[in-house]
Amino acid sequence: MSQVFACISARFAEPEQGSSQHLRWRPGSLMLGKERSSRFTAVQAQQFLDEGWTVAEHISNTTTGFSGTLFRALRTDESRGITAGELVLSLRSTEFIDDAARDNQATNSMEIKEKGWAFGQIAEMKKWVDSLYATSKITADKRLTVTGYSLGGHLATAFNMLYGGDADATYTFNGAGVGKERNGVSLADTIANFDRMRQITADLGDQFTNPAVRAVYESLRGSLKDGAIPSEAQRQAVLALLPAPGSVPGSVVSTDPDVRLLYEAFSRIQIIQAEMARIGKPLNSGGNPNVPLQPVDARSIEATNINYQLAVLIASRNTEAIGVIAGGQQALYDRQQGPYTFNNFHDIYGYTSPSAVANSQLHYGTATPVFIEDQPLFRGDVIWDAILQSAQYHDVKLLADNFGLNDFGDTHSLVLLVDSLSVQNTLAQLDPGITQSTLNAILFAASSKKSSSALGSQGKAEGDVLENVIMGLASMLDVQIRAMAAKLDGGTWANPADRTVLHDNLKVIAGSNAFRDIKGQAVVRASSADLRAALCEEAANDWTLRSAA
């Protein structure tokens, strides 16, 4: 069920920015989401509502992009292990499309990837969670589960570091890892220092010993905020601090640490502003219907404030990210575990390769690989678009126009995990003792189809596994279900109509007399032939990856 809470935080349309409030859910809003690939089917939406959860508190997108929801169980359901009053804290993931500048550029690329931590969103999370404790929305006598997908997984790990022992359980889904603490400074102290400095009213003039640099900073502090675009005069004032060409051999940046600090902070703002301009055209989805990117207003992106960027640079002196080379190796082969593992922290991720986000940085949960239907590595013209856009903006740009057709990394989607886990949950209801490795083996062997990518096309997907398992189970139990048309073209995994049929059929099977008669009493195992096939496929994939390195 934890993946459902992660889904809701990833999917639902946000109310007013920064608001912390109660919400009422309707099936229609869960099914619509933000009109992107992640949506509930009618069965999923109704199941969530029927299970009796309410929103105890919600905070919408802050100016850092942070959003979280606290759920509370209204009634006890022993069959599901739910106790009335227990809490689930769900942390929102990256909105790669509609929040590209704030989430992807400012947070993912310029904070997590470069510095190891999402400083702004962690600070906002702590502020909000502290308020939940202060108002007794979270209390020690109520069970607390923390969950998050992608960026939300990164935040869930940070939660455990900041509130050690408070979470009774943590579930992350394709969660991004975290960086390192350095110089004996804890994450809590680093975030507290960052939070103090990022305030728009803070005067960071004492960070500069060079009077000329301090004067330029003071001229920027009052105006370079709230999404304001740096003026030409401000740009020239910063450039004037740099050494004359050729005066510093091999460098265009001053050796003066004050100059370097202010210049880098100013440059980071320009990078974010450039991304805001790039996606503000806006970019089209290319789907039917076409739902263009809806960029966040510049005033809602705190990372364009000079104090914010100075705070990131100063606070990150006590942090470290996993380097690009090590990160690339992890994306291809495996994740890197942190120096310790949190108790009852389940780090669930799609069992495919490469996996740039789910394998990134350090992980502090128990690795739980889960089978998902493999997808093309890329679709359409995203490679060419990325090359052209990256060259034009001197930075990696992966969000392309017609992004519904030109995309990459589909295997990172939460939808693939949710649908696979839904099928696996049905099998687990028959045999509560079934292991994850057995479930993976069954699904690995359920299809001979392979994913593939080709420039200019949507590629091919391993798109019939779940349908094969559902139809096989229905046939075994002699249950009549709706026809299922598995699609092997890339980009079809999130089709709402197909997903509706899949979840409708699972509901019919689980509600049948034949299923109920053997529920909890069956023994579900992969055949020896299936196990051999799965092991051979895994070994072949491993050999292919390693021999290509």
Protein backbone atom coordinates (compact mmCIF):
# COMPACT_ATOMS: atom_id res chain seq x y z
CA MET A 1 0.00 0.00 0.00
CA SER A 2 2.95 2.33 0.60
CA GLN A 3 3.45 2.79 -3.13
CA VAL A 4 -0.07 4.24 -3.32
CA PHE A 5 0.86 7.06 -0.95
CA ALA A 6 3.97 7.73 -3.02
CA CYS A 7 1.74 7.79 -6.10
CA ILE A 8 -0.60 10.34 -4.58
CA SER A 9 2.20 12.73 -3.73
CA ALA A 10 3.61 12.28 -7.22
CA ARG A 11 0.31 12.70 -9.04
CA PHE A 12 -2.23 14.91 -7.45
CA ALA A 13 -2.85 18.46 -8.60
CA GLU A 14 -1.45 20.88 -6.02
CA PRO A 15 -3.56 23.61 -4.40
CA GLU A 16 -2.19 27.03 -3.54
CA GLN A 17 1.59 27.18 -3.25
CA GLY A 18 3.02 26.76 0.22
CA SER A 19 -0.35 26.09 1.83
CA SER A 20 -0.58 23.59 4.68
CA GLN A 21 -4.09 22.26 4.92
CA HIS A 22 -6.59 19.41 4.99
CA LEU A 23 -7.70 17.95 1.68
CA ARG A 24 -10.60 15.82 0.50
CA TRP A 25 -9.93 13.27 -2.19
CA ARG A 26 -12.24 12.38 -5.04
CA PRO A 27 -11.70 9.47 -7.44
CA GLY A 28 -11.76 11.84 -10.41
CA SER A 29 -8.87 13.95 -9.14
CA LEU A 30 -6.76 10.87 -8.44
CA MET A 31 -7.51 9.46 -11.89
CA LEU A 32 -6.69 12.73 -13.65
CA GLY A 33 -3.58 13.68 -11.68
CA LYS A 34 -1.66 16.29 -13.62
CA GLU A 35 -2.59 14.78 -16.98
CA ARG A 36 0.81 13.13 -17.30
CA SER A 37 1.70 9.44 -17.37
CA SER A 38 1.15 8.86 -13.64
CA ARG A 39 -2.52 8.38 -12.86
CA PHE A 40 -4.75 6.17 -10.76
CA THR A 41 -7.15 3.78 -12.41
CA ALA A 42 -10.71 3.77 -11.09
CA VAL A 43 -10.04 0.58 -9.13
CA GLN A 44 -6.93 2.04 -7.48
CA ALA A 45 -8.65 5.30 -6.59
CA GLN A 46 -11.68 3.60 -5.08
CA GLN A 47 -9.52 1.11 -3.20
CA PHE A 48 -7.61 3.96 -1.59
CA LEU A 49 -10.80 5.73 -0.56
CA ASP A 50 -12.42 2.52 0.72
CA GLU A 51 -9.47 1.72 2.95
CA GLY A 52 -10.29 4.74 5.07
CA TRP A 53 -7.36 7.12 4.92
CA THR A 54 -7.71 10.85 5.40
CA VAL A 55 -5.30 13.70 4.87
CA ALA A 56 -4.24 14.95 8.29
CA GLU A 57 -2.09 17.71 6.82
CA HIS A 58 -0.68 18.73 3.46
CA ILE A 59 1.84 21.29 2.34
CA SER A 60 1.81 22.27 -1.30
CA ASN A 61 4.80 23.25 -3.39
CA THR A 62 6.94 25.72 -1.49
CA THR A 63 9.38 28.01 -3.31
CA THR A 64 11.96 25.20 -3.08
CA GLY A 65 9.53 22.74 -4.68
CA PHE A 66 8.97 20.71 -1.50
CA SER A 67 5.58 19.11 -1.02
CA GLY A 68 4.43 16.56 1.52
CA THR A 69 1.26 14.89 2.77
CA LEU A 70 0.49 13.34 6.15
CA PHE A 71 -2.19 10.61 6.01
CA ARG A 72 -4.04 9.17 8.99
CA ALA A 73 -5.94 5.87 9.13
CA LEU A 74 -9.58 6.34 10.16
CA ARG A 75 -10.21 2.73 11.12
CA THR A 76 -8.48 -0.51 11.98
CA ASP A 77 -8.20 -3.18 9.28
CA GLU A 78 -6.43 -6.21 10.70
CA SER A 79 -6.39 -7.98 7.34
CA ARG A 80 -4.19 -5.19 5.97
CA GLY A 81 -2.25 -4.58 9.16
CA ILE A 82 -3.70 -1.06 9.54
CA THR A 83 -4.47 0.43 12.95
CA ALA A 84 -6.77 3.41 13.42
CA GLY A 85 -4.74 6.57 13.96
CA GLU A 86 -1.52 5.34 12.39
CA LEU A 87 0.23 7.82 10.10
CA VAL A 88 1.91 7.79 6.71
CA LEU A 89 4.16 10.69 5.71
CA SER A 90 4.51 10.86 1.93
CA LEU A 91 7.12 13.10 0.28
CA ARG A 92 6.71 14.34 -3.30
CA SER A 93 8.98 13.28 -6.12
CA THR A 94 10.58 15.34 -8.88
CA GLU A 95 8.18 16.87 -11.37
CA PHE A 96 10.57 16.45 -14.28
CA ILE A 97 8.26 18.21 -16.74
CA ASP A 98 6.16 20.94 -15.12
CA ASP A 99 8.69 21.79 -12.42
CA ALA A 100 11.78 21.36 -14.59
CA ALA A 101 13.61 24.52 -13.53
CA ARG A 102 12.96 24.30 -9.80
CA ASP A 103 12.97 20.51 -9.25
CA ASN A 104 15.20 19.14 -11.95
CA GLN A 105 17.68 21.95 -12.67
CA ALA A 106 18.00 23.69 -9.30
CA THR A 107 17.47 20.71 -6.97
CA ASN A 108 18.46 17.53 -8.78
CA SER A 109 21.29 18.74 -11.00
CA MET A 110 22.75 21.60 -8.99
CA GLU A 111 22.22 20.34 -5.45
CA ILE A 112 21.89 16.53 -5.24
CA LYS A 113 24.14 15.66 -8.17
CA GLU A 114 26.77 18.34 -7.44
CA LYS A 115 26.61 18.62 -3.65
CA GLY A 116 24.94 15.40 -2.51
CA TRP A 117 21.84 16.87 -0.86
CA ALA A 118 18.63 18.73 -1.74
CA PHE A 119 19.37 21.54 0.70
CA GLY A 120 16.28 23.65 0.08
CA GLN A 121 13.75 20.83 0.09
CA ILE A 122 15.31 19.14 3.13
CA ALA A 123 15.19 22.44 5.02
CA GLU A 124 11.52 22.92 4.07
CA MET A 125 10.73 19.32 5.01
CA LYS A 126 12.29 19.77 8.45
CA LYS A 127 10.44 23.03 9.03
CA TRP A 128 7.13 21.40 8.11
CA VAL A 129 7.72 18.18 10.08
CA ASP A 130 8.77 20.20 13.14
CA SER A 131 5.41 22.01 12.88
CA LEU A 132 3.59 18.65 12.72
CA TYR A 133 5.24 17.60 15.97
CA ALA A 134 4.59 21.00 17.57
CA THR A 135 0.86 20.78 16.77
CA SER A 136 0.63 17.08 17.77
CA LYS A 137 -0.23 16.01 14.21
CA ILE A 138 2.60 13.49 14.71
CA THR A 139 2.86 11.91 18.15
CA ALA A 140 5.10 9.20 19.56
CA ASP A 141 2.16 6.88 20.37
CA LYS A 142 1.06 6.59 16.74
CA ARG A 143 2.85 4.37 14.25
CA LEU A 144 4.59 6.45 11.56
CA THR A 145 5.56 5.20 8.10
CA VAL A 146 7.57 7.40 5.74
CA THR A 147 7.41 6.91 1.99
CA GLY A 148 8.74 8.61 -1.11
CA TYR A 149 9.44 8.04 -4.78
CA SER A 150 12.54 9.30 -6.64
CA LEU A 151 13.41 12.68 -5.06
CA GLY A 152 10.95 11.72 -2.32
CA GLY A 153 13.19 8.74 -1.55
CA HIS A 154 16.13 11.10 -1.08
CA LEU A 155 14.01 13.17 1.32
CA ALA A 156 12.85 10.03 3.17
CA THR A 157 16.47 9.07 3.79
CA ALA A 158 17.21 12.58 5.06
CA PHE A 159 14.15 12.30 7.35
CA ASN A 160 15.62 9.21 8.96
CA MET A 161 18.92 10.99 9.51
CA LEU A 162 17.26 14.06 11.01
CA TYR A 163 14.64 12.22 13.09
CA GLY A 164 16.50 9.02 13.90
CA GLY A 165 14.17 6.30 15.18
CA ASP A 166 10.93 8.25 14.70
CA ALA A 167 9.88 6.32 11.59
CA ASP A 168 8.59 2.85 12.41
CA ALA A 169 9.02 1.92 8.75
CA THR A 170 10.25 3.57 5.56
CA TYR A 171 9.43 2.57 1.99
CA THR A 172 11.14 4.25 -0.94
CA PHE A 173 10.46 3.56 -4.61
CA ASN A 174 13.24 4.17 -7.15
CA GLY A 175 14.56 6.54 -4.51
CA ALA A 176 17.53 8.77 -5.22
CA GLY A 177 20.40 8.24 -2.80
CA VAL A 178 22.11 10.84 -0.66
CA GLY A 179 25.61 12.28 -0.43
CA LYS A 180 28.13 12.29 2.38
CA GLU A 181 28.61 14.37 5.50
CA ARG A 182 32.08 15.89 5.81
CA ASN A 183 34.38 17.51 8.33
CA GLY A 184 32.53 15.99 11.25
CA VAL A 185 29.49 18.20 10.59
CA SER A 186 26.13 16.44 10.80
CA LEU A 187 23.39 16.82 8.21
CA ALA A 188 21.24 18.51 10.87
CA ASP A 189 23.87 21.18 11.49
CA THR A 190 24.50 21.66 7.77
CA ILE A 191 20.79 22.17 7.05
CA ALA A 192 20.40 24.53 10.02
CA ASN A 193 23.33 26.61 8.76
CA PHE A 194 21.92 26.63 5.23
CA ASP A 195 18.45 27.59 6.45
CA ARG A 196 19.78 30.55 8.40
CA MET A 197 21.79 31.90 5.45
CA ARG A 198 19.17 31.40 2.72
CA GLN A 199 16.66 33.79 4.25
CA ILE A 200 15.94 36.73 1.98
CA THR A 201 16.49 39.14 4.88
CA ALA A 202 19.86 37.66 5.88
CA ASP A 203 22.92 39.84 5.35
CA LEU A 204 25.78 37.59 4.28
CA GLY A 205 28.22 40.45 3.90
CA ASP A 206 30.30 38.96 6.72
CA GLN A 207 31.12 36.02 4.42
CA PHE A 208 33.31 38.35 2.34
CA THR A 209 36.56 39.90 3.55
CA ASN A 210 37.24 41.63 0.22
CA PRO A 211 35.51 45.07 0.40
CA ALA A 212 34.96 45.23 -3.37
CA VAL A 213 33.24 41.85 -3.41
CA ARG A 214 31.18 42.74 -0.36
CA ALA A 215 30.02 45.94 -2.07
CA VAL A 216 28.88 44.02 -5.17
CA TYR A 217 27.08 41.49 -2.98
CA GLU A 218 25.24 44.25 -1.13
CA SER A 219 24.15 45.73 -4.47
CA LEU A 220 22.75 42.34 -5.53
CA ARG A 221 21.11 41.35 -2.24
CA GLY A 222 18.26 43.82 -2.43
CA SER A 223 17.22 43.09 -6.01
CA LEU A 224 18.38 39.63 -7.05
CA LYS A 225 15.43 37.78 -5.53
CA ASP A 226 11.88 36.66 -6.27
CA GLY A 227 12.82 35.47 -9.74
CA ALA A 228 14.28 38.77 -10.90
CA ILE A 229 16.46 38.42 -14.01
CA PRO A 230 20.00 39.74 -13.46
CA SER A 231 20.48 43.04 -15.25
CA GLU A 232 23.34 43.76 -17.60
CA ALA A 233 24.72 46.20 -15.05
CA GLN A 234 24.73 43.50 -12.38
CA ARG A 235 26.41 41.06 -14.74
CA GLN A 236 29.10 43.59 -15.58
CA ALA A 237 29.66 44.37 -11.90
CA VAL A 238 30.29 40.70 -11.16
CA LEU A 239 32.51 40.26 -14.24
CA ALA A 240 34.55 43.30 -13.20
CA LEU A 241 35.69 41.34 -10.16
CA LEU A 242 37.40 38.76 -12.36
CA PRO A 243 41.06 39.10 -13.24
CA ALA A 244 42.07 40.58 -16.58
CA PRO A 245 42.47 37.91 -19.29
CA GLY A 246 45.86 36.25 -18.96
CA SER A 247 46.66 37.63 -15.51
CA VAL A 248 45.84 34.28 -13.86
CA PRO A 249 47.51 31.53 -15.93
CA GLY A 250 45.15 28.73 -16.95
CA SER A 251 42.07 30.28 -15.35
CA VAL A 252 39.45 32.90 -16.03
CA VAL A 253 38.32 32.91 -12.39
CA SER A 254 40.12 34.78 -9.64
CA THR A 255 42.14 32.97 -7.01
CA ASP A 256 40.43 35.22 -4.44
CA PRO A 257 37.94 32.90 -2.62
CA ASP A 258 35.50 35.80 -2.14
CA VAL A 259 35.37 36.45 -5.89
CA ARG A 260 35.00 32.78 -6.65
CA LEU A 261 32.13 32.43 -4.17
CA LEU A 262 30.11 35.38 -5.45
CA TYR A 263 30.84 34.62 -9.10
CA GLU A 264 29.72 31.00 -8.74
CA ALA A 265 26.53 31.96 -6.88
CA PHE A 266 25.69 34.51 -9.57
CA SER A 267 26.45 32.01 -12.34
CA ARG A 268 24.18 29.40 -10.79
CA ILE A 269 21.30 31.87 -10.84
CA GLN A 270 21.94 32.53 -14.52
CA ILE A 271 21.88 28.79 -15.27
CA ILE A 272 18.46 28.44 -13.63
CA GLN A 273 17.17 31.54 -15.38
CA ALA A 274 18.37 30.13 -18.71
CA GLU A 275 16.46 26.91 -18.08
CA MET A 276 13.34 28.89 -17.19
CA ALA A 277 13.64 30.74 -20.51
CA ARG A 278 14.26 27.50 -22.43
CA ILE A 279 11.16 25.72 -21.17
CA GLY A 280 8.97 28.81 -21.13
CA LYS A 281 8.15 28.62 -24.86
CA PRO A 282 6.45 26.29 -23.67
CA LEU A 283 7.45 22.77 -24.65
CA ASN A 284 4.69 20.54 -26.02
CA SER A 285 3.89 17.01 -24.91
CA GLY A 286 3.27 15.80 -28.45
CA GLY A 287 0.55 13.52 -27.11
CA ASN A 288 -3.14 13.32 -27.90
CA PRO A 289 -4.39 15.52 -26.42
CA ASN A 290 -1.36 17.77 -26.34
CA VAL A 291 -0.77 19.04 -22.79
CA PRO A 292 2.06 21.59 -22.95
CA LEU A 293 4.55 22.01 -20.15
CA GLN A 294 3.23 24.41 -17.51
CA PRO A 295 6.33 26.16 -16.15
CA VAL A 296 6.49 27.42 -12.57
CA ASP A 297 6.39 31.19 -12.19
CA ALA A 298 9.84 32.70 -11.68
CA ARG A 299 8.80 34.30 -8.38
CA SER A 300 8.13 30.81 -7.03
CA ILE A 301 11.72 29.60 -7.48
CA GLU A 302 13.75 30.50 -4.41
CA ALA A 303 16.92 29.15 -6.00
CA THR A 304 17.11 32.35 -8.09
CA ASN A 305 17.83 34.38 -4.93
CA ILE A 306 21.48 35.34 -4.38
CA ASN A 307 21.32 34.41 -0.69
CA TYR A 308 19.96 30.98 -1.53
CA GLN A 309 22.84 30.14 -3.84
CA LEU A 310 25.42 31.51 -1.42
CA ALA A 311 23.84 29.36 1.30
CA VAL A 312 24.11 26.24 -0.90
CA LEU A 313 27.77 26.90 -1.71
CA ILE A 314 28.76 27.66 1.88
CA ALA A 315 26.78 24.80 3.45
CA SER A 316 28.08 22.30 0.88
CA ARG A 317 31.62 22.77 2.18
CA ASN A 318 30.59 20.13 4.68
CA THR A 319 29.01 17.73 2.20
CA GLU A 320 30.13 15.63 -0.73
CA ALA A 321 28.40 14.00 -3.69
CA ILE A 322 29.34 10.72 -5.34
CA GLY A 323 31.42 11.69 -8.38
CA VAL A 324 30.33 11.47 -12.00
CA ILE A 325 32.50 8.44 -12.79
CA ALA A 326 31.41 6.51 -9.71
CA GLY A 327 27.81 7.56 -10.37
CA GLY A 328 28.01 6.25 -13.93
CA GLN A 329 29.35 2.91 -12.73
CA GLN A 330 26.52 2.63 -10.19
CA ALA A 331 23.93 3.43 -12.88
CA LEU A 332 25.16 0.47 -14.92
CA TYR A 333 26.00 -2.10 -12.30
CA ASP A 334 24.76 -1.60 -8.77
CA ARG A 335 24.05 0.83 -6.00
CA GLN A 336 26.43 1.80 -3.21
CA GLN A 337 25.31 1.16 0.33
CA GLY A 338 25.98 3.76 3.01
CA PRO A 339 28.09 2.99 6.10
CA TYR A 340 25.00 1.68 7.92
CA THR A 341 21.45 0.54 7.17
CA PHE A 342 18.33 1.85 8.89
CA ASN A 343 16.06 -0.72 10.48
CA ASN A 344 12.84 -1.48 8.62
CA PHE A 345 13.84 0.75 5.69
CA HIS A 346 12.79 -0.91 2.42
CA ASP A 347 14.60 0.51 -0.61
CA ILE A 348 12.41 -0.77 -3.45
CA TYR A 349 13.52 -0.23 -7.04
CA GLY A 350 12.83 -1.51 -10.55
CA TYR A 351 15.13 -4.40 -11.39
CA THR A 352 16.54 -3.07 -14.67
CA SER A 353 19.76 -1.53 -15.92
CA PRO A 354 20.88 1.19 -16.35
CA SER A 355 19.23 3.04 -13.46
CA ALA A 356 20.73 6.49 -13.04
CA VAL A 357 18.47 7.80 -10.25
CA ALA A 358 17.59 4.70 -8.22
CA ASN A 359 21.28 3.68 -8.09
CA SER A 360 22.64 7.19 -7.48
CA GLN A 361 24.63 8.36 -4.44
CA LEU A 362 24.52 6.35 -1.16
CA HIS A 363 21.62 4.22 0.07
CA TYR A 364 20.66 3.47 3.67
CA GLY A 365 17.79 1.02 3.26
CA THR A 366 17.64 -2.69 2.53
CA ALA A 367 17.92 -3.11 -1.23
CA THR A 368 14.72 -4.64 -2.60
CA PRO A 369 14.87 -5.16 -6.37
CA VAL A 370 11.45 -5.71 -7.97
CA PHE A 371 10.71 -6.94 -11.47
CA ILE A 372 9.25 -4.39 -13.88
CA GLU A 373 8.59 -4.67 -17.59
CA ASP A 374 11.71 -3.39 -19.32
CA GLN A 375 11.40 -0.38 -21.63
CA PRO A 376 13.46 1.27 -24.38
CA LEU A 377 16.37 3.27 -23.00
CA PHE A 378 15.23 6.23 -25.14
CA ARG A 379 12.43 7.10 -27.55
CA GLY A 380 12.02 9.35 -30.56
CA ASP A 381 14.60 12.06 -31.23
CA VAL A 382 15.53 12.74 -27.61
CA ILE A 383 19.21 11.91 -28.21
CA TRP A 384 19.59 14.48 -31.00
CA ASP A 385 17.51 17.03 -29.15
CA ALA A 386 19.59 16.56 -26.01
CA ILE A 387 22.83 17.00 -27.93
CA LEU A 388 21.64 20.17 -29.64
CA GLN A 389 20.08 21.70 -26.53
CA SER A 390 23.04 20.78 -24.34
CA ALA A 391 25.47 22.34 -26.80
CA GLN A 392 23.38 25.50 -27.06
CA TYR A 393 23.03 25.97 -23.30
CA HIS A 394 26.44 24.53 -22.28
CA ASP A 395 24.70 22.24 -19.83
CA VAL A 396 23.03 18.83 -19.97
CA LYS A 397 19.45 19.27 -21.21
CA LEU A 398 17.32 16.13 -21.42
CA LEU A 399 13.77 17.53 -21.44
CA ALA A 400 12.84 17.91 -25.10
CA ASP A 401 9.94 19.35 -27.07
CA ASN A 402 7.20 16.80 -27.75
CA PHE A 403 8.39 15.07 -24.58
CA GLY A 404 5.61 12.52 -24.73
CA LEU A 405 7.32 11.04 -27.80
CA ASN A 406 10.92 12.14 -27.21
CA ASP A 407 11.91 10.79 -23.83
CA PHE A 408 14.33 8.55 -21.97
CA GLY A 409 14.53 6.50 -18.77
CA ASP A 410 10.94 5.23 -18.78
CA THR A 411 11.95 2.41 -16.39
CA HIS A 412 12.24 5.00 -13.62
CA SER A 413 8.47 5.51 -13.69
CA LEU A 414 6.50 4.68 -10.56
CA VAL A 415 3.65 3.39 -12.75
CA LEU A 416 5.73 0.38 -13.82
CA LEU A 417 6.52 -0.45 -10.20
CA VAL A 418 2.92 0.01 -9.03
CA ASP A 419 1.45 -2.19 -11.76
CA SER A 420 4.05 -4.92 -11.23
CA LEU A 421 3.58 -4.82 -7.45
CA SER A 422 -0.19 -5.02 -7.93
CA VAL A 423 0.19 -8.28 -9.83
CA GLN A 424 2.71 -9.57 -7.31
CA ASN A 425 0.39 -8.65 -4.44
CA THR A 426 -2.33 -10.81 -5.98
CA LEU A 427 0.03 -13.78 -6.04
CA ALA A 428 1.16 -13.01 -2.49
CA GLN A 429 -2.45 -13.12 -1.29
CA LEU A 430 -2.56 -16.72 -2.44
CA ASP A 431 0.78 -17.53 -0.78
CA PRO A 432 1.69 -15.09 2.02
CA GLY A 433 5.04 -16.85 2.39
CA ILE A 434 6.18 -16.21 -1.17
CA THR A 435 9.53 -14.43 -1.43
CA GLN A 436 10.44 -11.47 -3.60
CA SER A 437 13.05 -13.55 -5.41
CA THR A 438 10.36 -16.10 -6.34
CA LEU A 439 8.03 -13.38 -7.57
CA ASN A 440 10.84 -11.88 -9.65
CA ALA A 441 11.68 -15.30 -11.12
CA ILE A 442 8.05 -15.94 -12.12
CA LEU A 443 7.75 -12.58 -13.88
CA PHE A 444 11.17 -12.78 -15.50
CA ALA A 445 10.14 -16.07 -17.12
CA ALA A 446 6.65 -14.92 -18.19
CA SER A 447 7.75 -13.50 -21.54
CA SER A 448 10.44 -13.95 -24.15
CA LYS A 449 10.06 -10.39 -25.43
CA LYS A 450 12.99 -7.96 -25.13
CA SER A 451 13.16 -4.20 -25.01
CA SER A 452 15.10 -2.32 -27.66
CA SER A 453 15.80 1.27 -28.70
CA ALA A 454 16.23 2.85 -32.11
CA LEU A 455 16.75 6.50 -33.00
CA GLY A 456 13.64 8.16 -34.40
CA SER A 457 11.27 5.42 -33.21
CA GLN A 458 9.44 4.57 -30.00
CA GLY A 459 11.41 1.33 -29.68
CA LYS A 460 10.12 -1.94 -28.29
CA ALA A 461 9.13 -2.85 -24.73
CA GLU A 462 8.83 -6.04 -22.73
CA GLY A 463 5.18 -5.18 -22.57
CA ASP A 464 3.31 -8.46 -22.15
CA VAL A 465 4.60 -9.89 -18.86
CA LEU A 466 1.85 -8.68 -16.53
CA GLU A 467 -0.86 -9.58 -19.03
CA ASN A 468 0.59 -13.09 -19.41
CA VAL A 469 0.61 -13.67 -15.65
CA ILE A 470 -2.92 -12.30 -15.18
CA MET A 471 -4.35 -14.36 -18.04
CA GLY A 472 -2.54 -17.46 -16.78
CA LEU A 473 -3.92 -16.99 -13.27
CA ALA A 474 -7.45 -16.38 -14.60
CA SER A 475 -7.22 -19.50 -16.74
CA MET A 476 -6.00 -21.60 -13.82
CA LEU A 477 -8.88 -20.42 -11.62
CA ASP A 478 -11.39 -20.53 -14.49
CA VAL A 479 -12.30 -16.85 -14.01
CA GLN A 480 -13.68 -14.83 -16.89
CA ILE A 481 -11.83 -11.53 -17.36
CA ARG A 482 -11.78 -8.78 -19.97
CA ALA A 483 -9.59 -9.23 -23.02
CA MET A 484 -6.09 -7.81 -22.60
CA ALA A 485 -4.10 -6.53 -25.55
CA ALA A 486 -0.46 -6.35 -24.53
CA LYS A 487 1.40 -3.60 -26.37
CA LEU A 488 5.05 -4.02 -27.23
CA ASP A 489 5.68 -0.53 -28.58
CA GLY A 490 7.68 1.79 -26.37
CA GLY A 491 5.81 4.55 -24.57
CA THR A 492 2.61 2.53 -24.14
CA TRP A 493 3.17 1.37 -20.54
CA ALA A 494 1.12 4.24 -19.06
CA ASN A 495 -1.91 4.01 -21.37
CA PRO A 496 -4.86 4.75 -19.04
CA ALA A 497 -7.30 2.47 -20.87
CA ASP A 498 -4.94 -0.51 -20.82
CA ARG A 499 -4.06 0.04 -17.16
CA THR A 500 -7.76 0.23 -16.32
CA VAL A 501 -8.35 -3.20 -17.85
CA LEU A 502 -5.33 -4.62 -16.00
CA HIS A 503 -6.49 -3.43 -12.58
CA ASP A 504 -10.13 -4.31 -13.30
CA ASN A 505 -9.05 -7.87 -14.09
CA LEU A 506 -6.98 -8.14 -10.93
CA LYS A 507 -10.05 -7.06 -8.94
CA VAL A 508 -12.24 -9.65 -10.68
CA ILE A 509 -9.73 -12.43 -10.02
CA ALA A 510 -9.22 -11.48 -6.35
CA GLY A 511 -12.98 -11.28 -5.84
CA SER A 512 -13.77 -14.65 -7.39
CA ASN A 513 -14.87 -17.64 -5.31
CA ALA A 514 -12.08 -19.76 -6.75
CA PHE A 515 -9.49 -17.23 -5.53
CA ARG A 516 -11.07 -16.85 -2.11
CA ASP A 517 -11.18 -20.63 -1.63
CA ILE A 518 -7.40 -20.95 -1.83
CA LYS A 519 -6.41 -17.50 -0.57
CA GLY A 520 -3.65 -17.79 2.02
CA GLN A 521 -3.38 -21.56 1.53
CA ALA A 522 -1.72 -21.96 -1.86
CA VAL A 523 1.96 -22.51 -2.53
CA VAL A 524 3.16 -20.37 -5.44
CA ARG A 525 6.54 -21.30 -6.86
CA ALA A 526 8.39 -20.82 -10.11
CA SER A 527 8.95 -24.07 -11.96
CA SER A 528 12.52 -25.33 -12.24
CA ALA A 529 12.42 -24.45 -15.94
CA ASP A 530 11.30 -20.92 -15.11
CA LEU A 531 14.06 -20.54 -12.55
CA ARG A 532 16.67 -21.76 -15.02
CA ALA A 533 15.38 -19.34 -17.67
CA ALA A 534 15.40 -16.41 -15.25
CA LEU A 535 18.88 -17.20 -13.98
CA CYS A 536 20.22 -17.61 -17.51
CA GLU A 537 18.69 -14.30 -18.58
CA GLU A 538 20.13 -12.53 -15.53
CA ALA A 539 23.55 -14.04 -16.16
CA ALA A 540 23.45 -13.12 -19.85
CA ASN A 541 22.47 -9.54 -19.07
CA ASP A 542 25.22 -9.31 -16.45
CA TRP A 543 27.81 -10.65 -18.92
CA THR A 544 26.67 -8.22 -21.61
CA LEU A 545 26.99 -5.22 -19.33
CA ARG A 546 30.35 -6.22 -17.91
CA SER A 547 31.91 -7.26 -21.19
CA ALA A 548 30.90 -3.92 -22.73
CA ALA A 549 32.58 -1.94 -19.94
